[in-house]
Amino acid sequence: MTHPDAEPARPLRADARRNRERLLEAALKAFSTEADAEVSLERVARDAGVGIGTLYRHFPTREALVEEVYRTELTRLCESAPRLLAQRPPVEALRAWMDAFIDYLATKRGLAEALRAVIAAGGRPFARSRELLLGALGELLAAGAGAGLRSDVAAEDILIALNGISLAAADPSQRDQVGRVLDLIVDGLRAR
């Protein structure tokens, strides 16, 4: 799935694609773990094993890099729904996606300062986020409805619940509790 807000681009050579992926991985790690919103782009390039010129060829501004890190993580999460459904029974796929969603929100929280700078510069990183998330979640719920889950629950309701649970997930010591609450949600979705 190509992000709808992304500009069409010509295909990258294999080495350029690998460099871009390494840059995104290094930036995700740096922006998600650093308390300082001003992560050095030189450090991102160095951690990716490329020069700063390569970083700027792919991402002309810090904001472009941060926005693409966010979009890549969102796309990765949303694209995981059909893959999970192909690999697991629908109820297990839904539960696995919920775990991935909690991890995604933790990443987004780590990127918060950098994303605020993107928004201040006129970027719109969240323009289609909700729509894409609801689409993925709706696909999982529809598959689950044929496999013993209730069919009267809206994806929006589950998305709100997951957002609330994510607040507890901010504290790593609460990870077991988060898992139990996600299990309760799945249990509450079972048709009686």
C-alpha atoms as a PDB file:
ATOM      1  CA  MET A   1       0.000   0.000   0.000  1.00  0.00           C
ATOM      2  CA  THR A   2       1.479   3.315  -0.996  1.00  0.00           C
ATOM      3  CA  HIS A   3       0.525   6.121   1.317  1.00  0.00           C
ATOM      4  CA  PRO A   4      -2.123   8.229  -0.449  1.00  0.00           C
ATOM      5  CA  ASP A   5      -0.422  11.500   0.480  1.00  0.00           C
ATOM      6  CA  ALA A   6       2.946  10.417  -0.894  1.00  0.00           C
ATOM      7  CA  GLU A   7       4.098  11.952  -4.149  1.00  0.00           C
ATOM      8  CA  PRO A   8       4.558   9.510  -7.023  1.00  0.00           C
ATOM      9  CA  ALA A   9       8.210   8.816  -7.622  1.00  0.00           C
ATOM     10  CA  ARG A  10      10.165   6.772 -10.074  1.00  0.00           C
ATOM     11  CA  PRO A  11      11.331   3.405  -8.737  1.00  0.00           C
ATOM     12  CA  LEU A  12      14.585   3.460  -6.814  1.00  0.00           C
ATOM     13  CA  ARG A  13      17.591   1.349  -7.698  1.00  0.00           C
ATOM     14  CA  ALA A  14      18.126  -1.553  -5.299  1.00  0.00           C
ATOM     15  CA  ASP A  15      21.054   0.139  -3.520  1.00  0.00           C
ATOM     16  CA  ALA A  16      19.137   3.413  -3.186  1.00  0.00           C
ATOM     17  CA  ARG A  17      16.104   1.544  -1.822  1.00  0.00           C
ATOM     18  CA  ARG A  18      18.312  -0.211   0.766  1.00  0.00           C
ATOM     19  CA  ASN A  19      19.868   3.123   1.783  1.00  0.00           C
ATOM     20  CA  ARG A  20      16.421   4.683   2.150  1.00  0.00           C
ATOM     21  CA  GLU A  21      15.205   1.774   4.291  1.00  0.00           C
ATOM     22  CA  ARG A  22      18.297   1.941   6.488  1.00  0.00           C
ATOM     23  CA  LEU A  23      17.812   5.691   6.907  1.00  0.00           C
ATOM     24  CA  LEU A  24      14.183   5.190   7.953  1.00  0.00           C
ATOM     25  CA  GLU A  25      15.162   2.481  10.454  1.00  0.00           C
ATOM     26  CA  ALA A  26      17.947   4.599  11.945  1.00  0.00           C
ATOM     27  CA  ALA A  27      15.677   7.659  12.124  1.00  0.00           C
ATOM     28  CA  LEU A  28      12.877   5.678  13.760  1.00  0.00           C
ATOM     29  CA  LYS A  29      15.266   4.425  16.412  1.00  0.00           C
ATOM     30  CA  ALA A  30      16.814   7.845  17.001  1.00  0.00           C
ATOM     31  CA  PHE A  31      13.597   9.881  17.069  1.00  0.00           C
ATOM     32  CA  SER A  32      11.782   7.271  19.189  1.00  0.00           C
ATOM     33  CA  THR A  33      14.442   6.896  21.859  1.00  0.00           C
ATOM     34  CA  GLU A  34      16.032  10.328  22.146  1.00  0.00           C
ATOM     35  CA  ALA A  35      14.565  12.752  24.656  1.00  0.00           C
ATOM     36  CA  ASP A  36      16.009  15.555  22.535  1.00  0.00           C
ATOM     37  CA  ALA A  37      13.771  16.460  19.594  1.00  0.00           C
ATOM     38  CA  GLU A  38      16.836  17.773  17.785  1.00  0.00           C
ATOM     39  CA  VAL A  39      18.374  14.430  16.848  1.00  0.00           C
ATOM     40  CA  SER A  40      21.397  15.051  14.657  1.00  0.00           C
ATOM     41  CA  LEU A  41      20.726  14.132  11.036  1.00  0.00           C
ATOM     42  CA  GLU A  42      24.439  13.405  10.722  1.00  0.00           C
ATOM     43  CA  ARG A  43      24.014  10.792  13.429  1.00  0.00           C
ATOM     44  CA  VAL A  44      21.019   9.274  11.617  1.00  0.00           C
ATOM     45  CA  ALA A  45      23.086   9.036   8.437  1.00  0.00           C
ATOM     46  CA  ARG A  46      26.054   7.562  10.304  1.00  0.00           C
ATOM     47  CA  ASP A  47      23.839   4.995  12.093  1.00  0.00           C
ATOM     48  CA  ALA A  48      22.367   4.032   8.711  1.00  0.00           C
ATOM     49  CA  GLY A  49      25.867   3.585   7.289  1.00  0.00           C
ATOM     50  CA  VAL A  50      25.503   6.320   4.656  1.00  0.00           C
ATOM     51  CA  GLY A  51      26.746   9.846   4.146  1.00  0.00           C
ATOM     52  CA  ILE A  52      24.748  12.959   4.972  1.00  0.00           C
ATOM     53  CA  GLY A  53      24.403  13.691   1.237  1.00  0.00           C
ATOM     54  CA  THR A  54      22.568  10.393   0.795  1.00  0.00           C
ATOM     55  CA  LEU A  55      20.182  11.325   3.608  1.00  0.00           C
ATOM     56  CA  TYR A  56      19.430  14.685   1.986  1.00  0.00           C
ATOM     57  CA  ARG A  57      18.926  13.097  -1.460  1.00  0.00           C
ATOM     58  CA  HIS A  58      16.157  10.964   0.026  1.00  0.00           C
ATOM     59  CA  PHE A  59      14.815  13.463   2.565  1.00  0.00           C
ATOM     60  CA  PRO A  60      15.532  17.117   1.771  1.00  0.00           C
ATOM     61  CA  THR A  61      14.426  18.313   5.232  1.00  0.00           C
ATOM     62  CA  ARG A  62      14.237  16.998   8.767  1.00  0.00           C
ATOM     63  CA  GLU A  63      10.454  17.291   8.552  1.00  0.00           C
ATOM     64  CA  ALA A  64      10.357  15.145   5.396  1.00  0.00           C
ATOM     65  CA  LEU A  65      12.343  12.442   7.186  1.00  0.00           C
ATOM     66  CA  VAL A  66      10.173  12.489  10.314  1.00  0.00           C
ATOM     67  CA  GLU A  67       6.950  12.466   8.301  1.00  0.00           C
ATOM     68  CA  GLU A  68       8.132   9.520   6.218  1.00  0.00           C
ATOM     69  CA  VAL A  69       9.171   7.585   9.341  1.00  0.00           C
ATOM     70  CA  TYR A  70       5.658   8.069  10.713  1.00  0.00           C
ATOM     71  CA  ARG A  71       3.978   7.142   7.413  1.00  0.00           C
ATOM     72  CA  THR A  72       6.164   4.058   7.024  1.00  0.00           C
ATOM     73  CA  GLU A  73       5.206   2.808  10.474  1.00  0.00           C
ATOM     74  CA  LEU A  74       1.519   3.513   9.817  1.00  0.00           C
ATOM     75  CA  THR A  75       1.659   1.707   6.478  1.00  0.00           C
ATOM     76  CA  ARG A  76       3.514  -1.231   8.027  1.00  0.00           C
ATOM     77  CA  LEU A  77       0.818  -1.570  10.685  1.00  0.00           C
ATOM     78  CA  CYS A  78      -2.100  -1.285   8.270  1.00  0.00           C
ATOM     79  CA  GLU A  79      -0.564  -3.677   5.760  1.00  0.00           C
ATOM     80  CA  SER A  80      -0.068  -6.258   8.497  1.00  0.00           C
ATOM     81  CA  ALA A  81      -3.835  -6.909   8.781  1.00  0.00           C
ATOM     82  CA  PRO A  82      -4.273  -8.960   5.580  1.00  0.00           C
ATOM     83  CA  ARG A  83      -0.945 -10.709   6.195  1.00  0.00           C
ATOM     84  CA  LEU A  84      -2.018 -11.691   9.714  1.00  0.00           C
ATOM     85  CA  LEU A  85      -5.366 -12.930   8.378  1.00  0.00           C
ATOM     86  CA  ALA A  86      -3.524 -15.092   5.831  1.00  0.00           C
ATOM     87  CA  GLN A  87      -1.318 -16.594   8.536  1.00  0.00           C
ATOM     88  CA  ARG A  88      -3.698 -17.019  11.492  1.00  0.00           C
ATOM     89  CA  PRO A  89      -7.331 -17.598  12.356  1.00  0.00           C
ATOM     90  CA  PRO A  90      -9.237 -14.265  12.401  1.00  0.00           C
ATOM     91  CA  VAL A  91      -9.491 -13.960  16.206  1.00  0.00           C
ATOM     92  CA  GLU A  92      -5.744 -14.584  16.625  1.00  0.00           C
ATOM     93  CA  ALA A  93      -4.993 -12.172  13.774  1.00  0.00           C
ATOM     94  CA  LEU A  94      -7.053  -9.460  15.476  1.00  0.00           C
ATOM     95  CA  ARG A  95      -5.284 -10.013  18.792  1.00  0.00           C
ATOM     96  CA  ALA A  96      -1.835  -9.918  17.129  1.00  0.00           C
ATOM     97  CA  TRP A  97      -2.798  -6.707  15.308  1.00  0.00           C
ATOM     98  CA  MET A  98      -3.852  -5.156  18.623  1.00  0.00           C
ATOM     99  CA  ASP A  99      -0.358  -5.835  19.998  1.00  0.00           C
ATOM    100  CA  ALA A 100       1.154  -4.275  16.875  1.00  0.00           C
ATOM    101  CA  PHE A 101      -1.136  -1.239  17.280  1.00  0.00           C
ATOM    102  CA  ILE A 102       0.036  -0.717  20.877  1.00  0.00           C
ATOM    103  CA  ASP A 103       3.653  -0.889  19.656  1.00  0.00           C
ATOM    104  CA  TYR A 104       2.825   1.576  16.858  1.00  0.00           C
ATOM    105  CA  LEU A 105       1.363   4.047  19.364  1.00  0.00           C
ATOM    106  CA  ALA A 106       4.487   3.737  21.510  1.00  0.00           C
ATOM    107  CA  THR A 107       6.541   4.647  18.419  1.00  0.00           C
ATOM    108  CA  LYS A 108       4.239   7.566  17.660  1.00  0.00           C
ATOM    109  CA  ARG A 109       4.601   8.763  21.244  1.00  0.00           C
ATOM    110  CA  GLY A 110       8.388   8.601  20.850  1.00  0.00           C
ATOM    111  CA  LEU A 111       8.152  10.671  17.679  1.00  0.00           C
ATOM    112  CA  ALA A 112       5.788  13.214  19.273  1.00  0.00           C
ATOM    113  CA  GLU A 113       8.235  16.120  19.512  1.00  0.00           C
ATOM    114  CA  ALA A 114       9.537  15.581  16.003  1.00  0.00           C
ATOM    115  CA  LEU A 115       5.969  15.282  14.639  1.00  0.00           C
ATOM    116  CA  ARG A 116       5.004  18.554  16.337  1.00  0.00           C
ATOM    117  CA  ALA A 117       7.827  20.236  14.416  1.00  0.00           C
ATOM    118  CA  VAL A 118       6.499  18.709  11.170  1.00  0.00           C
ATOM    119  CA  ILE A 119       3.022  20.094  11.880  1.00  0.00           C
ATOM    120  CA  ALA A 120       4.440  23.514  12.790  1.00  0.00           C
ATOM    121  CA  ALA A 121       6.220  23.533   9.418  1.00  0.00           C
ATOM    122  CA  GLY A 122       2.922  22.883   7.616  1.00  0.00           C
ATOM    123  CA  GLY A 123       3.147  19.104   7.265  1.00  0.00           C
ATOM    124  CA  ARG A 124       0.073  16.909   7.626  1.00  0.00           C
ATOM    125  CA  PRO A 125       1.353  13.561   8.891  1.00  0.00           C
ATOM    126  CA  PHE A 126      -2.020  12.500  10.313  1.00  0.00           C
ATOM    127  CA  ALA A 127      -4.185  13.464   7.318  1.00  0.00           C
ATOM    128  CA  ARG A 128      -5.297   9.918   6.545  1.00  0.00           C
ATOM    129  CA  SER A 129      -4.167   7.987   9.637  1.00  0.00           C
ATOM    130  CA  ARG A 130      -7.596   7.388  11.118  1.00  0.00           C
ATOM    131  CA  GLU A 131      -9.072   6.269   7.803  1.00  0.00           C
ATOM    132  CA  LEU A 132      -6.235   3.799   7.185  1.00  0.00           C
ATOM    133  CA  LEU A 133      -6.375   2.427  10.730  1.00  0.00           C
ATOM    134  CA  LEU A 134     -10.150   1.996  10.587  1.00  0.00           C
ATOM    135  CA  GLY A 135      -9.814   0.196   7.252  1.00  0.00           C
ATOM    136  CA  ALA A 136      -7.318  -2.317   8.650  1.00  0.00           C
ATOM    137  CA  LEU A 137      -9.289  -2.832  11.845  1.00  0.00           C
ATOM    138  CA  GLY A 138     -12.551  -3.138   9.887  1.00  0.00           C
ATOM    139  CA  GLU A 139     -11.009  -5.871   7.736  1.00  0.00           C
ATOM    140  CA  LEU A 140      -9.978  -7.800  10.858  1.00  0.00           C
ATOM    141  CA  LEU A 141     -13.394  -7.389  12.497  1.00  0.00           C
ATOM    142  CA  ALA A 142     -15.216  -8.485   9.332  1.00  0.00           C
ATOM    143  CA  ALA A 143     -13.111 -11.633   9.123  1.00  0.00           C
ATOM    144  CA  GLY A 144     -13.702 -12.245  12.823  1.00  0.00           C
ATOM    145  CA  ALA A 145     -17.474 -11.910  12.409  1.00  0.00           C
ATOM    146  CA  GLY A 146     -17.392 -15.089  10.333  1.00  0.00           C
ATOM    147  CA  ALA A 147     -15.280 -16.811  12.968  1.00  0.00           C
ATOM    148  CA  GLY A 148     -17.203 -16.271  16.176  1.00  0.00           C
ATOM    149  CA  LEU A 149     -16.813 -12.555  16.871  1.00  0.00           C
ATOM    150  CA  ARG A 150     -19.741 -10.172  17.194  1.00  0.00           C
ATOM    151  CA  SER A 151     -20.676  -8.349  14.028  1.00  0.00           C
ATOM    152  CA  ASP A 152     -22.282  -5.355  15.752  1.00  0.00           C
ATOM    153  CA  VAL A 153     -19.070  -3.687  16.963  1.00  0.00           C
ATOM    154  CA  ALA A 154     -17.740  -0.710  15.039  1.00  0.00           C
ATOM    155  CA  ALA A 155     -14.053  -0.399  14.223  1.00  0.00           C
ATOM    156  CA  GLU A 156     -14.194   3.139  15.676  1.00  0.00           C
ATOM    157  CA  ASP A 157     -15.185   1.746  19.078  1.00  0.00           C
ATOM    158  CA  ILE A 158     -12.250  -0.662  19.142  1.00  0.00           C
ATOM    159  CA  LEU A 159      -9.877   2.070  17.965  1.00  0.00           C
ATOM    160  CA  ILE A 160     -10.970   4.294  20.864  1.00  0.00           C
ATOM    161  CA  ALA A 161     -10.491   1.431  23.326  1.00  0.00           C
ATOM    162  CA  LEU A 162      -7.018   0.691  21.958  1.00  0.00           C
ATOM    163  CA  ASN A 163      -6.031   4.343  22.215  1.00  0.00           C
ATOM    164  CA  GLY A 164      -7.096   4.339  25.859  1.00  0.00           C
ATOM    165  CA  ILE A 165      -5.180   1.154  26.617  1.00  0.00           C
ATOM    166  CA  SER A 166      -2.095   2.622  25.002  1.00  0.00           C
ATOM    167  CA  LEU A 167      -1.825   5.105  27.873  1.00  0.00           C
ATOM    168  CA  ALA A 168      -0.981   2.233  30.216  1.00  0.00           C
ATOM    169  CA  ALA A 169       1.436   0.838  27.633  1.00  0.00           C
ATOM    170  CA  ALA A 170       3.600   3.949  28.019  1.00  0.00           C
ATOM    171  CA  ASP A 171       4.887   2.372  31.228  1.00  0.00           C
ATOM    172  CA  PRO A 172       6.881  -0.778  30.317  1.00  0.00           C
ATOM    173  CA  SER A 173       6.079  -2.297  33.711  1.00  0.00           C
ATOM    174  CA  GLN A 174       2.403  -2.348  32.673  1.00  0.00           C
ATOM    175  CA  ARG A 175       2.950  -4.488  29.540  1.00  0.00           C
ATOM    176  CA  ASP A 176       1.469  -7.627  31.165  1.00  0.00           C
ATOM    177  CA  GLN A 177      -1.597  -5.679  32.264  1.00  0.00           C
ATOM    178  CA  VAL A 178      -1.991  -4.252  28.753  1.00  0.00           C
ATOM    179  CA  GLY A 179      -1.948  -7.804  27.378  1.00  0.00           C
ATOM    180  CA  ARG A 180      -4.631  -8.892  29.837  1.00  0.00           C
ATOM    181  CA  VAL A 181      -6.855  -5.935  28.927  1.00  0.00           C
ATOM    182  CA  LEU A 182      -6.446  -6.689  25.210  1.00  0.00           C
ATOM    183  CA  ASP A 183      -7.460 -10.292  25.950  1.00  0.00           C
ATOM    184  CA  LEU A 184     -10.554  -8.961  27.748  1.00  0.00           C
ATOM    185  CA  ILE A 185     -11.496  -6.881  24.708  1.00  0.00           C
ATOM    186  CA  VAL A 186     -11.174  -9.877  22.409  1.00  0.00           C
ATOM    187  CA  ASP A 187     -13.208 -11.983  24.836  1.00  0.00           C
ATOM    188  CA  GLY A 188     -15.887  -9.261  24.917  1.00  0.00           C
ATOM    189  CA  LEU A 189     -16.028  -9.367  21.115  1.00  0.00           C
ATOM    190  CA  ARG A 190     -16.995 -13.050  21.066  1.00  0.00           C
ATOM    191  CA  ALA A 191     -20.562 -13.728  19.983  1.00  0.00           C
ATOM    192  CA  ARG A 192     -22.598 -15.207  22.809  1.00  0.00           C
END
